[in-house]
Amino acid sequence: MPFSAREDCLPKTPQTLPVSEYELRLARCRMLLAKYRPEVDGLLLADKVHIFYLTGTLGTGLFWLPLQGEPVLMLRKGTERAAMESPVQHILPFVSYRELPFLTASVDSPLGDVLAVDKNKFSWNMAEMLQKRLPGLRFVAADEVMNRARAVKSAWEQEKMRVCGGIHAKVYDEILPELFHTGLSEQELAFLYLTEVMKQGSEGMCRMHAHGEEMFFGYASIGNDGLYPTSYNGPLGCRGLHPAIPFLGSREVVWHKHQCLALDMGCVKNGYHTDRTQIYWSGRADAIPHAMQRAQSICKEILCTALDMLRPGVTPAELWRTALDIAGKHNVLESFMGLGRDQVPFLGHSIGLCLDEWPAIAKSFNEPLEEGMTIALEPKISVPGIGMPGIEHTYLVCSDGPVPLTGTQMDIVCID
């Protein structure tokens, strides 16, 4: 059925990306292209999240941003929906990469000779096909441009993340302590989080930026399951639902009296993510083992020290080195951020339209943080036989100090 015949039965989706925000993002990308890729004629993007960031619609296709002229969104499907959601003026259907020069030229935005593409998001087959269909053009990487563009959040984006973090905090701090109790499995505890966070307005889909990485909300890990081997690029372990779905938590592992529960879950609202970890204890505070209390205290010291430093101008590498210095002072380097080969070499990560954005808080990231970045910090320490105590919150980087987006709780919450 052609779209014209469907118009009366389709809702008119409101445009969600304001024109002012759209123009701000285009200008930022062009500025970064001039700085990092001065040889290119424009930006050609294939990643759906990049496309959403620059157009306001989650299109499957390509987005062309010339240095001069109007952008062009070329989609394999869904042009009618894109026209309802996006401020892009030129939204065109396409089938083959061969069409790109003709489509862009038809709206006076020709491709040019050197194109910046998001190489991390093209499969080998897609890249070979693009080069074959567009002979004579040269392709260079645009990934550092897009990483930096998305890392600094506008005031509009910051408000989206405040709303998301508010949902996160309410569920963790107010709702779950009233619902959690011993006798529940990891799966049931995770499902309680899923149910309540979606009741509060979360959309439920956690997106990952790293190639091949996946996540379904996160982990609920009881006791030593927090040290369970994992291929996921994070410190906390989890047995998961099944080897094919190693997320959320096991149906067989049940929360008993005097056990640690590490809940590391993401929240998504309006496409934007926040990340948080909270440690719960099934019993009175005076029954928490000394080793667990000590590990939590060290994590709190690391986080508070990092927050004192978290300003524009500090580098992620400085934050990581400081965390290692504190862990070394307390003789927990071998158990900090995981055990053995499952240790991860970072303190946290940027976050936004994906859970794991650039930059990582790690040793090789020496570019200073900027105002408007949003960072999740997650110090954790493995305690064999007990689990993995720790803390994680998401923060907005500001000149006068970080703003917590997911609450301020840093202590173990007791469920008696």
Foldseek 3Di string as FASTA:
>chain_A
DDVVVCVVVDDQDAADQDPVQLVVLLVLLLVLCCVPPVPAQWEKEQQQLLCCNNWVDRAGDIWTRGNDDAIAAEGCDDQVVSVSHGPRPHYYYDDALLCQQVSCVVRPRGRDAEYAYQVQPADPVRVVRNCVSDPRHHYDHCNVSSLVSVQFADPVQVVQLLLQLVLLQCCVPPNLLVPDAFPQFLLRSLVSSVVSSVVSPFPQAAAADHPPAHARFFEKAKFAQQQPDDPHQFLGHACCPDPVGRGRHHRPHTGDAFAKIWDWGWTHHPLFIWTKIAIAHADDPVSHDPVLVVQLVLQVVLVVVLQVVQAFPAWLQVSLVSNCVSCVVVVQNCFKGHHDPSRHAFQWAWTTSHRHGPDTSGNVTGDTDDQRGKIKGWIWGADPRHHIDIIIFIWGHYRVTTDTSNDDDSDHHYND
